[in-house]
Amino acid sequence: MQINNITKAFISKDSLIIEILHKEFGWNTVYQSMSYIDKYRVSKQKKLGTISDAFNKLSFEWQKGNARQYLESLEPELQYCIICHLMDDYINDKSNAK
């Protein structure tokens, strides 16, 4: 299996976000999302509205303790996009802080 540089960066430098997502959504979903990151980056502009809406709803559900149930109610591709979006946000916030 080939792991791209983005995935390697998440694993080696940013394991905190991986741990948080793993605890909330399960290893399989996070792992599948990490392997989807290249597709996410290519298609995120086309799907940005859908991803943003689902991301906002996920944030609301997370506060209520229902994040996993909400995420699992979505189609797998959208699940992966949302997790990739969370990882991207984390990396961007971390980079901007430096």
C-alpha atoms as a PDB file:
ATOM      1  CA  MET A   1       0.000   0.000   0.000  1.00  0.00           C
ATOM      2  CA  GLN A   2       1.281   3.430  -0.887  1.00  0.00           C
ATOM      3  CA  ILE A   3       0.899   6.151   1.724  1.00  0.00           C
ATOM      4  CA  ASN A   4       1.149   9.685   0.422  1.00  0.00           C
ATOM      5  CA  ASN A   5       3.192  12.426   2.082  1.00  0.00           C
ATOM      6  CA  ILE A   6       0.123  14.061   3.577  1.00  0.00           C
ATOM      7  CA  THR A   7      -0.831  10.867   5.375  1.00  0.00           C
ATOM      8  CA  LYS A   8       2.734  10.406   6.588  1.00  0.00           C
ATOM      9  CA  ALA A   9       2.677  13.946   7.991  1.00  0.00           C
ATOM     10  CA  PHE A  10      -0.548  13.259   9.855  1.00  0.00           C
ATOM     11  CA  ILE A  11       0.818  10.063  11.325  1.00  0.00           C
ATOM     12  CA  SER A  12       4.265  11.307  12.284  1.00  0.00           C
ATOM     13  CA  LYS A  13       3.717  14.918  13.316  1.00  0.00           C
ATOM     14  CA  ASP A  14       0.051  15.279  14.111  1.00  0.00           C
ATOM     15  CA  SER A  15      -0.934  12.135  15.869  1.00  0.00           C
ATOM     16  CA  LEU A  16      -3.134  14.147  18.256  1.00  0.00           C
ATOM     17  CA  ILE A  17      -5.751  14.792  15.575  1.00  0.00           C
ATOM     18  CA  ILE A  18      -5.568  11.147  14.499  1.00  0.00           C
ATOM     19  CA  GLU A  19      -6.098  10.021  18.091  1.00  0.00           C
ATOM     20  CA  ILE A  20      -9.089  12.321  18.566  1.00  0.00           C
ATOM     21  CA  LEU A  21     -10.711  11.227  15.315  1.00  0.00           C
ATOM     22  CA  HIS A  22      -9.920   7.574  16.006  1.00  0.00           C
ATOM     23  CA  LYS A  23     -11.584   7.715  19.435  1.00  0.00           C
ATOM     24  CA  GLU A  24     -14.653   9.454  18.062  1.00  0.00           C
ATOM     25  CA  PHE A  25     -15.167   7.696  14.732  1.00  0.00           C
ATOM     26  CA  GLY A  26     -13.165   4.465  14.879  1.00  0.00           C
ATOM     27  CA  TRP A  27      -9.909   3.433  13.276  1.00  0.00           C
ATOM     28  CA  ASN A  28     -11.420   2.015  10.087  1.00  0.00           C
ATOM     29  CA  THR A  29     -13.223   5.234   9.160  1.00  0.00           C
ATOM     30  CA  VAL A  30     -10.179   7.399   9.900  1.00  0.00           C
ATOM     31  CA  TYR A  31      -7.859   5.038   8.012  1.00  0.00           C
ATOM     32  CA  GLN A  32     -10.168   5.008   4.987  1.00  0.00           C
ATOM     33  CA  SER A  33     -10.339   8.801   5.121  1.00  0.00           C
ATOM     34  CA  MET A  34      -6.571   9.109   5.194  1.00  0.00           C
ATOM     35  CA  SER A  35      -6.336   6.986   2.067  1.00  0.00           C
ATOM     36  CA  TYR A  36      -8.976   9.262   0.473  1.00  0.00           C
ATOM     37  CA  ILE A  37      -7.131  12.546   1.110  1.00  0.00           C
ATOM     38  CA  ASP A  38      -5.819  12.950  -2.444  1.00  0.00           C
ATOM     39  CA  LYS A  39      -9.318  12.520  -3.910  1.00  0.00           C
ATOM     40  CA  TYR A  40     -10.657  14.949  -1.312  1.00  0.00           C
ATOM     41  CA  ARG A  41      -8.125  17.615  -2.240  1.00  0.00           C
ATOM     42  CA  VAL A  42      -8.951  17.287  -5.938  1.00  0.00           C
ATOM     43  CA  SER A  43     -12.726  17.413  -5.491  1.00  0.00           C
ATOM     44  CA  LYS A  44     -13.164  19.639  -2.435  1.00  0.00           C
ATOM     45  CA  GLN A  45     -13.868  22.815  -4.443  1.00  0.00           C
ATOM     46  CA  LYS A  46     -16.735  21.125  -6.301  1.00  0.00           C
ATOM     47  CA  LYS A  47     -18.187  19.722  -3.092  1.00  0.00           C
ATOM     48  CA  LEU A  48     -17.321  22.568  -0.728  1.00  0.00           C
ATOM     49  CA  GLY A  49     -20.940  23.558  -0.052  1.00  0.00           C
ATOM     50  CA  THR A  50     -21.977  20.000   0.756  1.00  0.00           C
ATOM     51  CA  ILE A  51     -18.878  19.405   2.872  1.00  0.00           C
ATOM     52  CA  SER A  52     -19.347  22.691   4.751  1.00  0.00           C
ATOM     53  CA  ASP A  53     -23.003  21.996   5.488  1.00  0.00           C
ATOM     54  CA  ALA A  54     -22.247  18.480   6.719  1.00  0.00           C
ATOM     55  CA  PHE A  55     -19.243  19.746   8.695  1.00  0.00           C
ATOM     56  CA  ASN A  56     -21.364  22.371  10.449  1.00  0.00           C
ATOM     57  CA  LYS A  57     -24.010  19.785  11.293  1.00  0.00           C
ATOM     58  CA  LEU A  58     -21.292  17.426  12.555  1.00  0.00           C
ATOM     59  CA  SER A  59     -19.936  20.177  14.823  1.00  0.00           C
ATOM     60  CA  PHE A  60     -23.410  20.690  16.277  1.00  0.00           C
ATOM     61  CA  GLU A  61     -23.952  16.952  16.747  1.00  0.00           C
ATOM     62  CA  TRP A  62     -20.491  16.576  18.302  1.00  0.00           C
ATOM     63  CA  GLN A  63     -21.459  19.077  21.003  1.00  0.00           C
ATOM     64  CA  LYS A  64     -24.517  16.969  21.745  1.00  0.00           C
ATOM     65  CA  GLY A  65     -22.470  13.753  21.855  1.00  0.00           C
ATOM     66  CA  ASN A  66     -23.921  12.398  18.612  1.00  0.00           C
ATOM     67  CA  ALA A  67     -21.015  12.928  16.221  1.00  0.00           C
ATOM     68  CA  ARG A  68     -20.402   9.298  15.376  1.00  0.00           C
ATOM     69  CA  GLN A  69     -24.073   8.536  14.734  1.00  0.00           C
ATOM     70  CA  TYR A  70     -24.393  11.562  12.482  1.00  0.00           C
ATOM     71  CA  LEU A  71     -21.223  10.781  10.540  1.00  0.00           C
ATOM     72  CA  GLU A  72     -22.284   7.174  10.035  1.00  0.00           C
ATOM     73  CA  SER A  73     -25.620   8.355   8.649  1.00  0.00           C
ATOM     74  CA  LEU A  74     -23.809   9.949   5.695  1.00  0.00           C
ATOM     75  CA  GLU A  75     -22.593   8.208   2.562  1.00  0.00           C
ATOM     76  CA  PRO A  76     -19.000   6.937   2.930  1.00  0.00           C
ATOM     77  CA  GLU A  77     -17.478   9.407   0.468  1.00  0.00           C
ATOM     78  CA  LEU A  78     -18.918  12.348   2.408  1.00  0.00           C
ATOM     79  CA  GLN A  79     -17.731  10.804   5.690  1.00  0.00           C
ATOM     80  CA  TYR A  80     -14.195  10.636   4.314  1.00  0.00           C
ATOM     81  CA  CYS A  81     -14.387  14.202   2.999  1.00  0.00           C
ATOM     82  CA  ILE A  82     -15.497  15.522   6.378  1.00  0.00           C
ATOM     83  CA  ILE A  83     -12.693  13.741   8.209  1.00  0.00           C
ATOM     84  CA  CYS A  84     -10.189  15.007   5.631  1.00  0.00           C
ATOM     85  CA  HIS A  85     -11.656  18.485   6.143  1.00  0.00           C
ATOM     86  CA  LEU A  86     -11.143  18.168   9.909  1.00  0.00           C
ATOM     87  CA  MET A  87      -7.544  17.074   9.394  1.00  0.00           C
ATOM     88  CA  ASP A  88      -6.904  19.928   6.944  1.00  0.00           C
ATOM     89  CA  ASP A  89      -8.375  22.475   9.365  1.00  0.00           C
ATOM     90  CA  TYR A  90      -6.178  21.168  12.149  1.00  0.00           C
ATOM     91  CA  ILE A  91      -3.030  21.315  10.009  1.00  0.00           C
ATOM     92  CA  ASN A  92      -3.900  24.814   8.722  1.00  0.00           C
ATOM     93  CA  ASP A  93      -4.591  26.107  12.240  1.00  0.00           C
ATOM     94  CA  LYS A  94      -1.354  24.603  13.480  1.00  0.00           C
ATOM     95  CA  SER A  95       0.615  26.084  10.561  1.00  0.00           C
ATOM     96  CA  ASN A  96      -0.939  29.529  11.014  1.00  0.00           C
ATOM     97  CA  ALA A  97      -0.070  29.490  14.715  1.00  0.00           C
ATOM     98  CA  LYS A  98       3.608  29.134  13.826  1.00  0.00           C
END
